[in-house]
């Protein structure tokens, strides 16, 4: 049973991850691979709204996706987007990335190889990783303008869609930890973290939502 305090603390982290950007037309979209096909759904919706002419889906597999997405996250995203009406000609697949940094770097390389100029990018992630994705992208590709986007939904709605509250809270805590430690490792830009958000994170760690924390290893990503 998850307590009211845990839910309140999770809500603080969830709200902080939301960048509040208004989606607008961009040169290209990058959909970050994960366990959540909702990223592909959100990307397809933005495409249908005419906000970008081209999509890059990026991602290999991870411990949470290898069984559900055996052909790779990016490939499953591509298939989902096509089911939703996005033409194959509007999708590039980057199948090697295994972390957010690689998502950005490999997508940038792919676009360069394809001769696609990018001055602005719609960066589409899970709702609880908007800020983490944005901070990583700003660090690794500072020349472009980044607009963060995700499926608009509440924390409780997202948990219901995934069907596993502990998984969502563990990953929410892990995403926040990276905001704290990755700037010092050169993986993302630094952002101010309000005291109440930091306190909520600490309480969630104390409550045991720690399975997605990275080890105390400067090489870990």
Protein backbone atom coordinates (compact mmCIF):
# COMPACT_ATOMS: atom_id res chain seq x y z
CA UNK A 1 0.00 0.00 0.00
CA UNK A 2 1.46 3.34 -1.04
CA UNK A 3 0.95 6.07 1.55
CA UNK A 4 -0.49 9.51 1.00
CA UNK A 5 2.91 11.04 1.81
CA UNK A 6 4.59 8.95 -0.88
CA UNK A 7 2.00 10.03 -3.44
CA UNK A 8 2.44 13.66 -2.44
CA UNK A 9 6.20 13.42 -2.79
CA UNK A 10 5.92 11.65 -6.13
CA UNK A 11 3.60 14.42 -7.32
CA UNK A 12 6.25 17.02 -6.44
CA UNK A 13 8.83 15.20 -8.57
CA UNK A 14 6.31 14.68 -11.38
CA UNK A 15 5.39 18.37 -11.46
CA UNK A 16 9.04 19.41 -11.46
CA UNK A 17 9.82 17.20 -14.44
CA UNK A 18 7.18 18.96 -16.53
CA UNK A 19 8.87 21.70 -18.55
CA UNK A 20 5.64 23.45 -19.52
CA UNK A 21 6.74 24.07 -23.10
CA UNK A 22 4.08 24.82 -25.69
CA UNK A 23 4.63 22.54 -28.71
CA UNK A 24 5.25 24.51 -31.89
CA UNK A 25 6.53 23.73 -35.40
CA UNK A 26 10.12 22.42 -35.39
CA UNK A 27 12.61 21.11 -37.93
CA UNK A 28 12.34 17.55 -36.64
CA UNK A 29 11.09 15.48 -33.70
CA UNK A 30 13.10 12.99 -31.66
CA UNK A 31 11.07 10.35 -29.81
CA UNK A 32 13.08 8.79 -26.98
CA UNK A 33 12.75 5.02 -26.72
CA UNK A 34 11.50 3.44 -23.49
CA UNK A 35 9.01 0.92 -22.15
CA UNK A 36 6.16 3.36 -22.87
CA UNK A 37 4.53 3.27 -26.32
CA UNK A 38 2.75 6.45 -25.28
CA UNK A 39 5.85 8.31 -26.50
CA UNK A 40 5.13 7.02 -30.01
CA UNK A 41 1.47 7.99 -29.62
CA UNK A 42 2.38 11.53 -28.57
CA UNK A 43 4.85 11.83 -31.45
CA UNK A 44 2.27 10.65 -33.97
CA UNK A 45 -0.24 13.17 -32.62
CA UNK A 46 2.25 16.03 -32.99
CA UNK A 47 3.04 14.90 -36.53
CA UNK A 48 -0.65 14.83 -37.45
CA UNK A 49 -0.91 18.38 -36.11
CA UNK A 50 1.74 19.42 -38.62
CA UNK A 51 4.41 20.36 -36.09
CA UNK A 52 7.30 18.58 -37.82
CA UNK A 53 7.98 16.96 -41.20
CA UNK A 54 10.29 14.22 -39.90
CA UNK A 55 10.58 11.95 -36.85
CA UNK A 56 13.59 10.14 -35.43
CA UNK A 57 12.71 7.27 -33.11
CA UNK A 58 15.76 6.26 -31.10
CA UNK A 59 16.39 3.32 -28.77
CA UNK A 60 17.69 -0.23 -28.56
CA UNK A 61 16.38 -2.33 -25.67
CA UNK A 62 16.78 -2.31 -21.90
CA UNK A 63 15.95 -4.64 -19.04
CA UNK A 64 12.39 -3.29 -19.01
CA UNK A 65 11.83 -3.54 -22.78
CA UNK A 66 13.71 -6.56 -24.12
CA UNK A 67 10.72 -8.87 -23.66
CA UNK A 68 7.99 -6.42 -24.72
CA UNK A 69 9.96 -4.86 -27.60
CA UNK A 70 12.26 -7.59 -28.95
CA UNK A 71 12.87 -5.74 -32.22
CA UNK A 72 14.08 -2.67 -30.34
CA UNK A 73 12.29 0.33 -28.89
CA UNK A 74 12.76 2.55 -31.95
CA UNK A 75 11.42 -0.10 -34.31
CA UNK A 76 8.35 -0.75 -32.15
CA UNK A 77 7.76 3.00 -31.95
CA UNK A 78 8.00 3.22 -35.74
CA UNK A 79 5.43 0.46 -36.15
CA UNK A 80 3.10 2.12 -33.66
CA UNK A 81 3.35 5.51 -35.34
CA UNK A 82 2.60 3.97 -38.73
CA UNK A 83 -0.48 2.27 -37.25
CA UNK A 84 -1.56 5.77 -36.22
CA UNK A 85 -1.18 7.15 -39.72
CA UNK A 86 2.39 8.45 -39.91
CA UNK A 87 3.92 7.52 -43.28
CA UNK A 88 7.09 5.42 -43.29
CA UNK A 89 8.80 8.14 -45.33
CA UNK A 90 8.50 10.53 -42.37
CA UNK A 91 10.30 8.23 -39.91
CA UNK A 92 13.99 7.53 -39.33
CA UNK A 93 15.01 4.75 -36.93
CA UNK A 94 18.08 4.95 -34.72
CA UNK A 95 18.37 1.44 -33.18
CA UNK A 96 21.55 1.54 -31.07
CA UNK A 97 21.05 4.05 -28.24
CA UNK A 98 20.90 2.60 -24.72
CA UNK A 99 20.69 5.80 -22.66
CA UNK A 100 19.49 9.36 -23.08
CA UNK A 101 22.90 10.70 -24.01
CA UNK A 102 23.22 8.17 -26.79
CA UNK A 103 19.66 8.95 -27.92
CA UNK A 104 20.72 12.54 -28.56
CA UNK A 105 24.19 11.90 -29.96
CA UNK A 106 23.20 9.07 -32.27
CA UNK A 107 20.11 10.94 -33.51
CA UNK A 108 22.24 13.97 -34.29
CA UNK A 109 24.66 11.79 -36.24
CA UNK A 110 21.83 10.11 -38.15
CA UNK A 111 20.28 13.43 -39.13
CA UNK A 112 23.66 14.65 -40.31
CA UNK A 113 24.18 11.53 -42.40
CA UNK A 114 20.75 12.05 -43.95
CA UNK A 115 21.52 15.68 -44.71
CA UNK A 116 18.65 16.92 -42.56
CA UNK A 117 19.22 20.43 -41.14
CA UNK A 118 17.88 20.97 -37.64
CA UNK A 119 17.55 24.35 -35.98
CA UNK A 120 14.79 23.28 -33.60
CA UNK A 121 13.75 19.89 -32.21
CA UNK A 122 10.59 18.63 -30.56
CA UNK A 123 11.97 16.30 -27.89
CA UNK A 124 9.33 13.75 -26.93
CA UNK A 125 9.76 11.66 -23.80
CA UNK A 126 7.80 10.07 -21.01
CA UNK A 127 6.02 12.69 -18.86
CA UNK A 128 8.26 12.08 -15.86
CA UNK A 129 11.46 12.55 -17.87
CA UNK A 130 10.83 15.80 -19.71
CA UNK A 131 13.34 17.80 -17.68
CA UNK A 132 15.96 15.06 -17.68
CA UNK A 133 15.72 14.71 -21.48
CA UNK A 134 15.82 18.48 -21.99
CA UNK A 135 18.87 18.94 -19.77
CA UNK A 136 20.71 16.17 -21.60
CA UNK A 137 19.85 17.53 -25.04
CA UNK A 138 20.89 21.08 -24.12
CA UNK A 139 24.27 19.78 -22.98
CA UNK A 140 25.01 17.54 -25.96
CA UNK A 141 23.50 19.61 -28.80
CA UNK A 142 23.39 23.22 -27.63
CA UNK A 143 23.17 24.72 -31.11
CA UNK A 144 19.51 23.85 -31.60
CA UNK A 145 16.37 25.01 -29.80
CA UNK A 146 14.73 22.26 -27.78
CA UNK A 147 11.00 22.03 -27.10
CA UNK A 148 10.02 19.33 -24.59
CA UNK A 149 6.81 17.39 -25.06
CA UNK A 150 5.10 14.31 -23.68
CA UNK A 151 1.66 12.79 -23.36
CA UNK A 152 -0.45 15.27 -21.32
CA UNK A 153 -1.62 13.31 -18.30
CA UNK A 154 -1.66 13.27 -14.52
CA UNK A 155 0.57 11.13 -12.33
CA UNK A 156 -2.33 8.89 -11.30
CA UNK A 157 -3.48 8.63 -14.89
CA UNK A 158 0.01 7.64 -15.99
CA UNK A 159 0.33 5.02 -13.27
CA UNK A 160 -3.01 3.61 -14.38
CA UNK A 161 -1.86 3.44 -18.00
CA UNK A 162 1.34 1.58 -17.06
CA UNK A 163 -0.32 -0.62 -14.45
CA UNK A 164 2.66 -0.68 -12.08
CA UNK A 165 2.86 2.10 -9.49
CA UNK A 166 6.18 0.95 -8.04
CA UNK A 167 7.84 0.90 -11.45
CA UNK A 168 6.67 4.43 -12.20
CA UNK A 169 7.74 5.79 -8.81
CA UNK A 170 11.10 4.01 -8.98
CA UNK A 171 11.75 5.49 -12.42
CA UNK A 172 10.56 8.93 -11.33
CA UNK A 173 13.07 8.84 -8.47
CA UNK A 174 15.80 7.64 -10.83
CA UNK A 175 15.09 10.44 -13.29
CA UNK A 176 15.37 13.00 -10.51
CA UNK A 177 18.64 11.56 -9.20
CA UNK A 178 20.17 12.07 -12.62
CA UNK A 179 19.22 15.75 -12.55
CA UNK A 180 21.27 16.00 -9.37
CA UNK A 181 24.41 14.06 -10.28
CA UNK A 182 24.76 14.11 -14.06
CA UNK A 183 25.70 17.79 -14.46
CA UNK A 184 28.89 17.13 -12.46
CA UNK A 185 29.66 14.21 -14.76
CA UNK A 186 29.22 16.32 -17.87
CA UNK A 187 26.10 14.50 -19.08
CA UNK A 188 23.58 17.37 -18.82
CA UNK A 189 23.21 21.04 -17.97
CA UNK A 190 22.67 22.00 -14.34
CA UNK A 191 19.25 23.18 -13.23
CA UNK A 192 18.08 24.65 -9.95
CA UNK A 193 16.21 22.12 -7.80
CA UNK A 194 13.83 23.69 -5.25
CA UNK A 195 14.25 22.61 -1.66
CA UNK A 196 10.81 21.02 -1.43
CA UNK A 197 11.53 18.90 -4.49
CA UNK A 198 14.86 17.77 -3.08
CA UNK A 199 13.20 16.87 0.24
CA UNK A 200 10.51 14.86 -1.56
CA UNK A 201 13.21 12.95 -3.42
CA UNK A 202 15.01 12.10 -0.19
CA UNK A 203 11.83 10.84 1.46
CA UNK A 204 11.06 8.63 -1.54
CA UNK A 205 14.56 7.17 -1.37
CA UNK A 206 14.10 6.51 2.35
CA UNK A 207 10.79 4.80 1.52
CA UNK A 208 12.63 2.35 -0.73
CA UNK A 209 11.90 3.60 -4.25
CA UNK A 210 15.51 3.13 -5.28
CA UNK A 211 15.69 0.35 -7.88
CA UNK A 212 16.40 2.82 -10.72
CA UNK A 213 19.13 4.80 -8.99
CA UNK A 214 22.48 4.75 -10.75
CA UNK A 215 25.45 3.43 -8.76
CA UNK A 216 28.11 5.70 -7.33
CA UNK A 217 30.20 5.30 -10.47
CA UNK A 218 31.24 8.29 -12.59
CA UNK A 219 31.07 6.17 -15.74
CA UNK A 220 27.46 5.11 -15.19
CA UNK A 221 24.89 6.73 -17.47
